[in-house]
């Protein structure tokens, strides 16, 4: 199921089009369900906890033979590996720094893959969201960063992040695009009509 319905995605497209009428900036929006599948996380935690089993069994001497202890370790590893694969559990097991690192990497890959660094006058702008990580980032090319400092986007990103945490991703997109548009209209006004990059919301699989 799509993260946003077709009608909701259309509203994002319309918001981008309204902003781009008043600025030379090229806005691209990307929405990812998650930045990584984190397939190694359940196995890592299951392995670590399985290694603890012998130490725990030492409190009950004579209960298990060496062979039985090996079976208990393997059973612990397999059962926990399956349990920890549940998305809600996996997400909670990943350190926040790791989640944000993976999301930030994906945002930068998208900036390049969407050709935001190849616009005519360097005015590409990416609004990136990864829902599972509750991560929002705004990346801009040199034509915008030379006129608008990164600090200008911080409060916008913070407000959008709160929306994502509350499950209001669409509203977050609309508010973010409008707020960015105010800065862009003032500092990067339209000089001529251009539309080099897609206006629709890009939803990653």
N, C-alpha and C. Protein backbone atom coordinates (compact mmCIF):
# COMPACT_ATOMS: atom_id res chain seq x y z
N UNK A 1 0.84 -1.19 0.00
CA UNK A 1 0.00 0.00 0.00
C UNK A 1 0.88 1.24 0.00
N UNK A 2 0.50 2.24 -0.78
CA UNK A 2 1.29 3.47 -0.89
C UNK A 2 1.28 4.22 0.44
N UNK A 3 2.36 4.91 0.70
CA UNK A 3 2.46 5.68 1.93
C UNK A 3 1.46 6.83 1.92
N UNK A 4 1.22 7.40 0.74
CA UNK A 4 0.20 8.43 0.57
C UNK A 4 -0.68 8.01 -0.61
N UNK A 5 -1.96 8.31 -0.52
CA UNK A 5 -2.88 7.97 -1.61
C UNK A 5 -2.59 8.82 -2.84
N UNK A 6 -3.18 8.43 -3.97
CA UNK A 6 -2.97 9.20 -5.20
C UNK A 6 -3.45 10.63 -5.04
N UNK A 7 -4.57 10.82 -4.35
CA UNK A 7 -5.08 12.18 -4.15
C UNK A 7 -4.13 12.99 -3.28
N UNK A 8 -3.57 12.36 -2.25
CA UNK A 8 -2.62 13.06 -1.38
C UNK A 8 -1.34 13.41 -2.15
N UNK A 9 -0.89 12.50 -2.99
CA UNK A 9 0.29 12.78 -3.80
C UNK A 9 0.02 13.92 -4.78
N UNK A 10 -1.19 13.96 -5.30
CA UNK A 10 -1.56 15.05 -6.21
C UNK A 10 -1.50 16.39 -5.50
N UNK A 11 -1.91 16.44 -4.24
CA UNK A 11 -1.87 17.69 -3.48
C UNK A 11 -0.43 18.16 -3.27
N UNK A 12 0.49 17.21 -3.09
CA UNK A 12 1.91 17.57 -2.96
C UNK A 12 2.41 18.16 -4.27
N UNK A 13 2.02 17.53 -5.38
CA UNK A 13 2.41 18.03 -6.70
C UNK A 13 1.91 19.46 -6.91
N UNK A 14 0.68 19.70 -6.57
CA UNK A 14 0.11 21.04 -6.74
C UNK A 14 0.84 22.06 -5.88
N UNK A 15 1.22 21.67 -4.66
CA UNK A 15 1.95 22.58 -3.78
C UNK A 15 3.31 22.94 -4.38
N UNK A 16 3.98 21.96 -4.97
CA UNK A 16 5.28 22.22 -5.61
C UNK A 16 5.11 23.17 -6.79
N UNK A 17 4.09 22.93 -7.58
CA UNK A 17 3.86 23.78 -8.76
C UNK A 17 3.58 25.22 -8.36
N UNK A 18 2.86 25.42 -7.27
CA UNK A 18 2.59 26.79 -6.81
C UNK A 18 3.88 27.49 -6.41
N UNK A 19 4.75 26.78 -5.72
CA UNK A 19 6.01 27.38 -5.28
C UNK A 19 6.91 27.68 -6.47
N UNK A 20 7.00 26.75 -7.41
CA UNK A 20 7.93 26.91 -8.53
C UNK A 20 7.52 28.03 -9.49
N UNK A 21 6.28 28.50 -9.40
CA UNK A 21 5.88 29.64 -10.24
C UNK A 21 6.59 30.92 -9.81
N UNK A 22 7.02 30.98 -8.55
CA UNK A 22 7.60 32.21 -8.00
C UNK A 22 9.10 32.11 -7.75
N UNK A 23 9.72 31.01 -8.17
CA UNK A 23 11.15 30.84 -7.87
C UNK A 23 11.85 30.07 -8.98
N UNK A 24 13.15 30.27 -9.07
CA UNK A 24 13.96 29.48 -10.00
C UNK A 24 14.35 28.13 -9.42
N UNK A 25 14.03 27.90 -8.17
CA UNK A 25 14.37 26.63 -7.53
C UNK A 25 13.60 25.48 -8.16
N UNK A 26 14.25 24.32 -8.19
CA UNK A 26 13.61 23.09 -8.68
C UNK A 26 13.42 22.17 -7.49
N UNK A 27 12.18 22.05 -7.02
CA UNK A 27 11.87 21.23 -5.86
C UNK A 27 11.59 19.79 -6.26
N UNK A 28 12.20 18.87 -5.54
CA UNK A 28 11.91 17.45 -5.70
C UNK A 28 11.60 16.89 -4.32
N UNK A 29 10.53 16.14 -4.19
CA UNK A 29 10.15 15.54 -2.91
C UNK A 29 10.25 14.03 -3.01
N UNK A 30 10.85 13.42 -2.01
CA UNK A 30 11.03 11.97 -1.98
C UNK A 30 10.54 11.43 -0.64
N UNK A 31 9.74 10.38 -0.71
CA UNK A 31 9.21 9.74 0.49
C UNK A 31 9.60 8.26 0.47
N UNK A 32 10.29 7.81 1.52
CA UNK A 32 10.71 6.42 1.64
C UNK A 32 10.02 5.78 2.84
N UNK A 33 9.56 4.54 2.71
CA UNK A 33 8.97 3.87 3.88
C UNK A 33 10.01 3.63 4.97
N UNK A 34 11.25 3.30 4.54
CA UNK A 34 12.37 3.14 5.48
C UNK A 34 13.66 3.26 4.68
N UNK A 35 14.73 3.59 5.38
CA UNK A 35 16.01 3.84 4.72
C UNK A 35 16.81 2.56 4.48
N UNK A 36 16.48 1.49 5.18
CA UNK A 36 17.23 0.24 5.07
C UNK A 36 16.32 -0.88 5.55
N UNK A 37 16.59 -2.11 5.11
CA UNK A 37 15.80 -3.23 5.65
C UNK A 37 16.37 -3.74 6.97
N UNK A 38 17.59 -3.30 7.32
CA UNK A 38 18.22 -3.66 8.59
C UNK A 38 18.17 -5.17 8.84
N UNK A 39 18.40 -5.95 7.78
CA UNK A 39 18.28 -7.41 7.89
C UNK A 39 19.25 -8.00 8.90
N UNK A 40 20.37 -7.33 9.12
CA UNK A 40 21.38 -7.87 10.02
C UNK A 40 21.05 -7.64 11.50
N UNK A 41 20.17 -6.70 11.78
CA UNK A 41 19.89 -6.34 13.17
C UNK A 41 19.27 -7.50 13.96
N UNK A 42 18.21 -8.16 13.46
CA UNK A 42 17.64 -9.28 14.23
C UNK A 42 18.67 -10.39 14.48
N UNK A 43 19.50 -10.70 13.48
CA UNK A 43 20.50 -11.75 13.64
C UNK A 43 21.58 -11.33 14.64
N UNK A 44 21.95 -10.06 14.60
CA UNK A 44 22.97 -9.57 15.53
C UNK A 44 22.50 -9.71 16.98
N UNK A 45 21.29 -9.22 17.26
CA UNK A 45 20.78 -9.28 18.62
C UNK A 45 20.50 -10.72 19.06
N UNK A 46 19.97 -11.53 18.14
CA UNK A 46 19.71 -12.94 18.48
C UNK A 46 21.02 -13.66 18.80
N UNK A 47 22.07 -13.37 18.02
CA UNK A 47 23.37 -14.00 18.27
C UNK A 47 23.97 -13.58 19.61
N UNK A 48 23.87 -12.29 19.91
CA UNK A 48 24.42 -11.80 21.17
C UNK A 48 23.71 -12.43 22.37
N UNK A 49 22.38 -12.51 22.29
CA UNK A 49 21.63 -13.08 23.41
C UNK A 49 21.85 -14.59 23.52
N UNK A 50 22.04 -15.25 22.38
CA UNK A 50 22.33 -16.68 22.42
C UNK A 50 23.67 -16.95 23.10
N UNK A 51 24.62 -16.05 22.92
CA UNK A 51 25.93 -16.20 23.56
C UNK A 51 25.84 -16.08 25.07
N UNK A 52 24.79 -15.42 25.56
CA UNK A 52 24.62 -15.23 27.00
C UNK A 52 24.09 -16.50 27.67
N UNK A 53 23.50 -17.37 26.86
CA UNK A 53 22.84 -18.56 27.41
C UNK A 53 23.76 -19.40 28.31
N UNK A 54 24.99 -19.73 27.88
CA UNK A 54 25.84 -20.55 28.77
C UNK A 54 26.08 -19.90 30.13
N UNK A 55 26.29 -18.59 30.13
CA UNK A 55 26.50 -17.90 31.40
C UNK A 55 25.27 -17.99 32.30
N UNK A 56 24.10 -17.87 31.69
CA UNK A 56 22.87 -17.96 32.48
C UNK A 56 22.65 -19.37 33.02
N UNK A 57 23.02 -20.36 32.21
CA UNK A 57 22.82 -21.76 32.62
C UNK A 57 23.74 -22.14 33.78
N UNK A 58 24.86 -21.43 33.91
CA UNK A 58 25.78 -21.74 35.00
C UNK A 58 25.14 -21.57 36.37
N UNK A 59 24.06 -20.80 36.42
CA UNK A 59 23.35 -20.63 37.69
C UNK A 59 22.54 -21.87 38.04
N UNK A 60 22.43 -22.81 37.10
CA UNK A 60 21.65 -24.03 37.32
C UNK A 60 22.51 -25.23 36.94
N UNK A 61 23.57 -25.49 37.69
CA UNK A 61 24.50 -26.57 37.36
C UNK A 61 23.81 -27.93 37.32
N UNK A 62 24.19 -28.70 36.31
CA UNK A 62 23.65 -30.04 36.19
C UNK A 62 22.34 -30.14 35.43
N UNK A 63 21.78 -29.01 35.08
CA UNK A 63 20.49 -29.05 34.39
C UNK A 63 20.64 -29.50 32.94
N UNK A 64 21.75 -29.10 32.29
CA UNK A 64 21.93 -29.40 30.88
C UNK A 64 23.28 -30.04 30.63
N UNK A 65 23.30 -31.02 29.73
CA UNK A 65 24.56 -31.56 29.25
C UNK A 65 25.13 -30.60 28.20
N UNK A 66 26.38 -30.82 27.79
CA UNK A 66 26.99 -29.95 26.78
C UNK A 66 26.18 -29.96 25.49
N UNK A 67 25.69 -31.12 25.08
CA UNK A 67 24.89 -31.23 23.86
C UNK A 67 23.57 -30.48 23.98
N UNK A 68 22.93 -30.64 25.14
CA UNK A 68 21.66 -29.95 25.36
C UNK A 68 21.85 -28.44 25.41
N UNK A 69 22.96 -28.01 25.96
CA UNK A 69 23.24 -26.58 26.02
C UNK A 69 23.41 -26.01 24.62
N UNK A 70 24.07 -26.76 23.75
CA UNK A 70 24.22 -26.33 22.36
C UNK A 70 22.87 -26.20 21.68
N UNK A 71 21.99 -27.15 21.92
CA UNK A 71 20.64 -27.10 21.34
C UNK A 71 19.88 -25.88 21.86
N UNK A 72 20.02 -25.60 23.16
CA UNK A 72 19.34 -24.43 23.74
C UNK A 72 19.85 -23.15 23.09
N UNK A 73 21.15 -23.07 22.88
CA UNK A 73 21.72 -21.89 22.23
C UNK A 73 21.16 -21.71 20.82
N UNK A 74 21.16 -22.78 20.05
CA UNK A 74 20.64 -22.69 18.69
C UNK A 74 19.16 -22.34 18.68
N UNK A 75 18.40 -22.95 19.58
CA UNK A 75 16.96 -22.66 19.65
C UNK A 75 16.73 -21.19 20.01
N UNK A 76 17.55 -20.70 20.95
CA UNK A 76 17.44 -19.29 21.34
C UNK A 76 17.72 -18.37 20.16
N UNK A 77 18.78 -18.70 19.43
CA UNK A 77 19.17 -17.89 18.27
C UNK A 77 18.06 -17.89 17.21
N UNK A 78 17.51 -19.05 16.90
CA UNK A 78 16.49 -19.16 15.84
C UNK A 78 15.19 -18.46 16.24
N UNK A 79 14.73 -18.71 17.47
CA UNK A 79 13.46 -18.12 17.92
C UNK A 79 13.57 -16.60 18.00
N UNK A 80 14.64 -16.11 18.62
CA UNK A 80 14.79 -14.66 18.74
C UNK A 80 15.02 -14.01 17.38
N UNK A 81 15.75 -14.70 16.49
CA UNK A 81 15.97 -14.17 15.15
C UNK A 81 14.66 -13.97 14.41
N UNK A 82 13.71 -14.88 14.61
CA UNK A 82 12.40 -14.75 13.97
C UNK A 82 11.55 -13.67 14.64
N UNK A 83 11.57 -13.64 15.96
CA UNK A 83 10.79 -12.65 16.69
C UNK A 83 11.27 -11.23 16.38
N UNK A 84 12.57 -11.06 16.35
CA UNK A 84 13.14 -9.73 16.14
C UNK A 84 12.97 -9.23 14.72
N UNK A 85 12.52 -10.11 13.81
CA UNK A 85 12.30 -9.68 12.43
C UNK A 85 11.02 -8.85 12.27
N UNK A 86 10.18 -8.85 13.29
CA UNK A 86 8.96 -8.05 13.23
C UNK A 86 9.35 -6.58 13.13
N UNK A 87 8.83 -5.84 12.11
CA UNK A 87 9.25 -4.45 11.88
C UNK A 87 9.18 -3.56 13.11
N UNK A 88 8.11 -3.68 13.88
CA UNK A 88 7.96 -2.81 15.05
C UNK A 88 9.06 -3.07 16.08
N UNK A 89 9.47 -4.35 16.19
CA UNK A 89 10.52 -4.69 17.15
C UNK A 89 11.89 -4.30 16.60
N UNK A 90 12.11 -4.59 15.31
CA UNK A 90 13.40 -4.28 14.69
C UNK A 90 13.73 -2.80 14.82
N UNK A 91 12.75 -1.94 14.54
CA UNK A 91 12.97 -0.50 14.58
C UNK A 91 13.43 -0.05 15.96
N UNK A 92 12.85 -0.64 17.01
CA UNK A 92 13.19 -0.24 18.38
C UNK A 92 14.58 -0.74 18.78
N UNK A 93 15.11 -1.72 18.08
CA UNK A 93 16.39 -2.29 18.43
C UNK A 93 17.56 -1.56 17.77
N UNK A 94 17.26 -0.66 16.84
CA UNK A 94 18.31 0.03 16.10
C UNK A 94 18.62 1.36 16.80
N UNK A 95 19.85 1.61 17.12
CA UNK A 95 20.20 2.91 17.75
C UNK A 95 19.78 4.07 16.85
N UNK A 96 19.33 5.14 17.47
CA UNK A 96 18.87 6.31 16.73
C UNK A 96 19.94 6.84 15.79
N UNK A 97 21.18 6.83 16.23
CA UNK A 97 22.27 7.33 15.40
C UNK A 97 22.43 6.51 14.12
N UNK A 98 22.24 5.20 14.24
CA UNK A 98 22.34 4.32 13.07
C UNK A 98 21.19 4.58 12.11
N UNK A 99 19.98 4.70 12.66
CA UNK A 99 18.81 4.96 11.80
C UNK A 99 18.97 6.26 11.03
N UNK A 100 19.41 7.30 11.71
CA UNK A 100 19.56 8.60 11.05
C UNK A 100 20.73 8.60 10.07
N UNK A 101 21.77 7.84 10.38
CA UNK A 101 22.90 7.73 9.46
C UNK A 101 22.46 7.07 8.15
N UNK A 102 21.67 6.00 8.25
CA UNK A 102 21.20 5.31 7.05
C UNK A 102 20.25 6.21 6.26
N UNK A 103 19.38 6.93 6.96
CA UNK A 103 18.43 7.82 6.27
C UNK A 103 19.17 8.97 5.59
N UNK A 104 20.17 9.53 6.24
CA UNK A 104 20.95 10.62 5.66
C UNK A 104 21.68 10.15 4.40
N UNK A 105 22.21 8.93 4.44
CA UNK A 105 22.88 8.38 3.26
C UNK A 105 21.91 8.23 2.09
N UNK A 106 20.70 7.75 2.39
CA UNK A 106 19.70 7.58 1.33
C UNK A 106 19.30 8.94 0.76
N UNK A 107 19.18 9.94 1.60
CA UNK A 107 18.82 11.28 1.13
C UNK A 107 19.86 11.79 0.15
N UNK A 108 21.12 11.60 0.47
CA UNK A 108 22.19 12.08 -0.42
C UNK A 108 22.24 11.28 -1.72
N UNK A 109 21.94 10.00 -1.66
CA UNK A 109 21.87 9.21 -2.90
C UNK A 109 20.74 9.70 -3.78
N UNK A 110 19.61 10.03 -3.16
CA UNK A 110 18.48 10.52 -3.93
C UNK A 110 18.78 11.88 -4.56
N UNK A 111 19.52 12.70 -3.86
CA UNK A 111 19.89 14.02 -4.42
C UNK A 111 20.63 13.82 -5.73
N UNK A 112 21.53 12.84 -5.76
CA UNK A 112 22.30 12.57 -6.97
C UNK A 112 21.46 11.84 -8.03
N UNK A 113 20.70 10.84 -7.59
CA UNK A 113 19.92 10.05 -8.54
C UNK A 113 18.82 10.85 -9.23
N UNK A 114 18.30 11.86 -8.54
CA UNK A 114 17.26 12.70 -9.13
C UNK A 114 17.85 13.88 -9.90
N UNK A 115 19.18 13.88 -10.05
CA UNK A 115 19.88 14.91 -10.84
C UNK A 115 19.69 16.33 -10.31
N UNK A 116 19.57 16.44 -9.01
CA UNK A 116 19.39 17.76 -8.42
C UNK A 116 20.67 18.60 -8.49
N UNK A 117 21.78 17.96 -8.75
CA UNK A 117 23.06 18.67 -8.87
C UNK A 117 23.36 19.06 -10.32
N UNK A 118 22.40 18.83 -11.23
CA UNK A 118 22.62 19.11 -12.64
C UNK A 118 21.65 20.15 -13.21
N UNK A 119 21.01 20.93 -12.34
CA UNK A 119 20.11 21.96 -12.85
C UNK A 119 20.92 23.09 -13.48
N UNK A 120 20.25 23.89 -14.30
CA UNK A 120 20.92 24.91 -15.11
C UNK A 120 21.75 25.89 -14.29
N UNK A 121 21.19 26.36 -13.19
CA UNK A 121 21.91 27.35 -12.38
C UNK A 121 22.13 26.86 -10.94
N UNK A 122 22.13 25.55 -10.74
CA UNK A 122 22.41 25.00 -9.42
C UNK A 122 21.36 25.30 -8.38
N UNK A 123 20.07 25.21 -8.77
CA UNK A 123 19.00 25.55 -7.83
C UNK A 123 18.12 24.35 -7.50
N UNK A 124 18.73 23.16 -7.49
CA UNK A 124 17.98 21.97 -7.09
C UNK A 124 17.77 21.93 -5.59
N UNK A 125 16.61 21.43 -5.18
CA UNK A 125 16.28 21.33 -3.75
C UNK A 125 15.53 20.03 -3.49
N UNK A 126 16.01 19.26 -2.53
CA UNK A 126 15.38 17.99 -2.17
C UNK A 126 14.74 18.08 -0.80
N UNK A 127 13.48 17.67 -0.72
CA UNK A 127 12.80 17.51 0.56
C UNK A 127 12.61 16.00 0.73
N UNK A 128 13.35 15.43 1.68
CA UNK A 128 13.41 13.97 1.84
C UNK A 128 12.80 13.54 3.16
N UNK A 129 12.01 12.47 3.11
CA UNK A 129 11.39 11.92 4.32
C UNK A 129 11.54 10.41 4.32
N UNK A 130 11.98 9.85 5.44
CA UNK A 130 11.97 8.41 5.64
C UNK A 130 11.09 8.14 6.86
N UNK A 131 9.94 7.50 6.63
CA UNK A 131 8.93 7.40 7.68
C UNK A 131 9.36 6.53 8.86
N UNK A 132 9.93 5.36 8.58
CA UNK A 132 10.28 4.45 9.68
C UNK A 132 11.27 5.09 10.64
N UNK A 133 12.20 5.86 10.09
CA UNK A 133 13.21 6.52 10.92
C UNK A 133 12.75 7.85 11.48
N UNK A 134 11.54 8.29 11.09
CA UNK A 134 11.04 9.61 11.48
C UNK A 134 12.08 10.68 11.14
N UNK A 135 12.58 10.59 9.90
CA UNK A 135 13.70 11.43 9.49
C UNK A 135 13.30 12.35 8.35
N UNK A 136 13.63 13.62 8.49
CA UNK A 136 13.36 14.63 7.47
C UNK A 136 14.64 15.41 7.20
N UNK A 137 14.91 15.67 5.93
CA UNK A 137 16.09 16.47 5.60
C UNK A 137 15.82 17.29 4.35
N UNK A 138 16.37 18.49 4.33
CA UNK A 138 16.32 19.36 3.16
C UNK A 138 17.75 19.54 2.66
N UNK A 139 17.97 19.20 1.38
CA UNK A 139 19.28 19.36 0.76
C UNK A 139 19.14 20.31 -0.43
N UNK A 140 20.07 21.23 -0.56
CA UNK A 140 20.00 22.20 -1.66
C UNK A 140 21.34 22.27 -2.39
N UNK A 141 21.27 22.67 -3.65
CA UNK A 141 22.47 22.84 -4.46
C UNK A 141 23.08 24.22 -4.22
N UNK A 142 24.22 24.47 -4.84
CA UNK A 142 25.02 25.67 -4.59
C UNK A 142 24.28 26.97 -4.88
N UNK A 143 23.38 26.97 -5.88
CA UNK A 143 22.67 28.19 -6.24
C UNK A 143 21.72 28.66 -5.16
N UNK A 144 21.29 27.74 -4.31
CA UNK A 144 20.41 28.11 -3.19
C UNK A 144 21.23 28.32 -1.92
N UNK A 145 22.18 27.42 -1.66
CA UNK A 145 22.97 27.53 -0.43
C UNK A 145 23.79 28.83 -0.39
N UNK A 146 24.11 29.38 -1.56
CA UNK A 146 24.85 30.64 -1.60
C UNK A 146 23.99 31.81 -1.16
N UNK A 147 22.67 31.65 -1.20
CA UNK A 147 21.77 32.75 -0.86
C UNK A 147 20.99 32.51 0.44
N UNK A 148 20.80 31.25 0.79
CA UNK A 148 20.03 30.92 1.99
C UNK A 148 20.86 29.97 2.84
N UNK A 149 21.08 30.32 4.09
CA UNK A 149 21.91 29.48 4.97
C UNK A 149 21.14 28.24 5.41
N UNK A 150 21.87 27.22 5.83
CA UNK A 150 21.25 25.98 6.30
C UNK A 150 20.36 26.22 7.52
N UNK A 151 20.71 27.23 8.32
CA UNK A 151 19.92 27.51 9.52
C UNK A 151 18.47 27.86 9.18
N UNK A 152 18.25 28.39 8.00
CA UNK A 152 16.90 28.79 7.60
C UNK A 152 15.97 27.60 7.50
N UNK A 153 16.54 26.41 7.24
CA UNK A 153 15.71 25.23 7.05
C UNK A 153 15.47 24.46 8.35
N UNK A 154 16.23 24.77 9.40
CA UNK A 154 16.19 23.94 10.61
C UNK A 154 14.81 23.90 11.26
N UNK A 155 14.18 25.05 11.41
CA UNK A 155 12.86 25.06 12.05
C UNK A 155 11.82 24.37 11.17
N UNK A 156 11.98 24.47 9.85
CA UNK A 156 11.06 23.81 8.92
C UNK A 156 11.19 22.30 9.04
N UNK A 157 12.43 21.83 9.10
CA UNK A 157 12.68 20.40 9.25
C UNK A 157 12.14 19.90 10.59
N UNK A 158 12.34 20.67 11.65
CA UNK A 158 11.86 20.26 12.97
C UNK A 158 10.34 20.14 12.99
N UNK A 159 9.65 21.10 12.37
CA UNK A 159 8.18 21.06 12.33
C UNK A 159 7.69 19.87 11.51
N UNK A 160 8.36 19.61 10.39
CA UNK A 160 7.99 18.48 9.53
C UNK A 160 8.22 17.17 10.27
N UNK A 161 9.34 17.06 11.00
CA UNK A 161 9.64 15.84 11.75
C UNK A 161 8.55 15.55 12.77
N UNK A 162 8.06 16.59 13.43
CA UNK A 162 6.97 16.40 14.40
C UNK A 162 5.73 15.85 13.70
N UNK A 163 5.44 16.36 12.52
CA UNK A 163 4.29 15.88 11.76
C UNK A 163 4.43 14.40 11.42
N UNK A 164 5.62 14.00 11.00
CA UNK A 164 5.86 12.60 10.64
C UNK A 164 5.67 11.71 11.87
N UNK A 165 6.18 12.14 13.01
CA UNK A 165 6.03 11.36 14.24
C UNK A 165 4.56 11.21 14.63
N UNK A 166 3.75 12.21 14.28
CA UNK A 166 2.33 12.17 14.60
C UNK A 166 1.51 11.47 13.52
N UNK A 167 2.19 10.95 12.49
CA UNK A 167 1.49 10.26 11.42
C UNK A 167 0.80 11.19 10.44
N UNK A 168 1.26 12.44 10.37
CA UNK A 168 0.64 13.44 9.49
C UNK A 168 1.63 13.85 8.40
N UNK A 169 2.09 12.85 7.65
CA UNK A 169 3.12 13.10 6.63
C UNK A 169 2.64 14.05 5.55
N UNK A 170 1.42 13.89 5.09
CA UNK A 170 0.90 14.78 4.05
C UNK A 170 0.91 16.22 4.51
N UNK A 171 0.35 16.48 5.69
CA UNK A 171 0.31 17.84 6.20
C UNK A 171 1.72 18.39 6.38
N UNK A 172 2.63 17.53 6.78
CA UNK A 172 4.01 17.95 6.92
C UNK A 172 4.61 18.38 5.60
N UNK A 173 4.34 17.62 4.55
CA UNK A 173 4.83 17.99 3.22
C UNK A 173 4.27 19.34 2.79
N UNK A 174 2.98 19.52 2.94
CA UNK A 174 2.34 20.75 2.48
C UNK A 174 2.88 21.96 3.22
N UNK A 175 3.00 21.84 4.53
CA UNK A 175 3.52 22.95 5.33
C UNK A 175 4.98 23.23 5.00
N UNK A 176 5.75 22.17 4.82
CA UNK A 176 7.17 22.33 4.51
C UNK A 176 7.37 23.02 3.16
N UNK A 177 6.64 22.57 2.16
CA UNK A 177 6.77 23.15 0.82
C UNK A 177 6.39 24.62 0.85
N UNK A 178 5.32 24.94 1.55
CA UNK A 178 4.89 26.34 1.63
C UNK A 178 5.93 27.19 2.35
N UNK A 179 6.47 26.67 3.46
CA UNK A 179 7.47 27.43 4.22
C UNK A 179 8.75 27.62 3.42
N UNK A 180 9.17 26.58 2.71
CA UNK A 180 10.35 26.70 1.85
C UNK A 180 10.10 27.71 0.74
N UNK A 181 8.88 27.71 0.23
CA UNK A 181 8.52 28.62 -0.84
C UNK A 181 8.67 30.08 -0.45
N UNK A 182 8.39 30.39 0.81
CA UNK A 182 8.53 31.78 1.28
C UNK A 182 9.99 32.22 1.20
N UNK A 183 10.90 31.37 1.64
CA UNK A 183 12.33 31.70 1.56
C UNK A 183 12.78 31.80 0.10
N UNK A 184 12.35 30.84 -0.70
CA UNK A 184 12.81 30.79 -2.09
C UNK A 184 12.28 31.96 -2.91
N UNK A 185 11.03 32.34 -2.67
CA UNK A 185 10.44 33.46 -3.40
C UNK A 185 11.22 34.75 -3.15
N UNK A 186 11.70 34.89 -1.91
CA UNK A 186 12.42 36.11 -1.55
C UNK A 186 13.87 36.09 -2.02
N UNK A 187 14.53 34.95 -1.85
CA UNK A 187 15.98 34.89 -2.11
C UNK A 187 16.34 34.31 -3.48
N UNK A 188 15.46 33.49 -4.05
CA UNK A 188 15.74 32.88 -5.36
C UNK A 188 14.51 33.08 -6.25
N UNK A 189 14.15 34.34 -6.52
CA UNK A 189 12.92 34.62 -7.28
C UNK A 189 13.01 34.10 -8.72
N UNK A 190 11.85 33.92 -9.32
CA UNK A 190 11.79 33.42 -10.69
C UNK A 190 12.31 34.47 -11.66
N UNK A 191 13.18 34.05 -12.56
CA UNK A 191 13.68 34.93 -13.61
C UNK A 191 13.11 34.55 -14.97
N UNK A 192 12.81 33.28 -15.13
CA UNK A 192 12.13 32.82 -16.34
C UNK A 192 11.54 31.44 -16.06
N UNK A 193 10.58 31.05 -16.87
CA UNK A 193 9.90 29.77 -16.66
C UNK A 193 10.86 28.62 -16.90
N UNK A 194 10.86 27.68 -15.95
CA UNK A 194 11.70 26.49 -16.10
C UNK A 194 11.03 25.33 -15.37
N UNK A 195 11.29 24.12 -15.84
CA UNK A 195 10.78 22.93 -15.17
C UNK A 195 11.65 21.75 -15.58
N UNK A 196 12.83 21.67 -14.97
CA UNK A 196 13.82 20.67 -15.37
C UNK A 196 13.63 19.32 -14.68
N UNK A 197 12.99 19.33 -13.52
CA UNK A 197 12.88 18.11 -12.73
C UNK A 197 11.42 17.80 -12.40
N UNK A 198 11.11 16.55 -12.06
CA UNK A 198 9.72 16.15 -11.79
C UNK A 198 9.13 16.89 -10.59
N UNK A 199 7.85 17.26 -10.73
CA UNK A 199 7.15 17.95 -9.64
C UNK A 199 6.41 16.99 -8.73
N UNK A 200 6.14 15.78 -9.21
CA UNK A 200 5.35 14.84 -8.41
C UNK A 200 6.17 14.25 -7.27
N UNK A 201 5.49 13.80 -6.24
CA UNK A 201 6.14 13.15 -5.12
C UNK A 201 6.70 11.80 -5.58
N UNK A 202 7.97 11.58 -5.30
CA UNK A 202 8.61 10.30 -5.64
C UNK A 202 8.54 9.41 -4.40
N UNK A 203 7.85 8.28 -4.54
CA UNK A 203 7.70 7.34 -3.44
C UNK A 203 8.58 6.13 -3.72
N UNK A 204 9.54 5.88 -2.85
CA UNK A 204 10.45 4.75 -3.03
C UNK A 204 9.79 3.46 -2.57
N UNK A 205 10.17 2.39 -3.23
CA UNK A 205 9.63 1.07 -2.86
C UNK A 205 10.40 0.50 -1.67
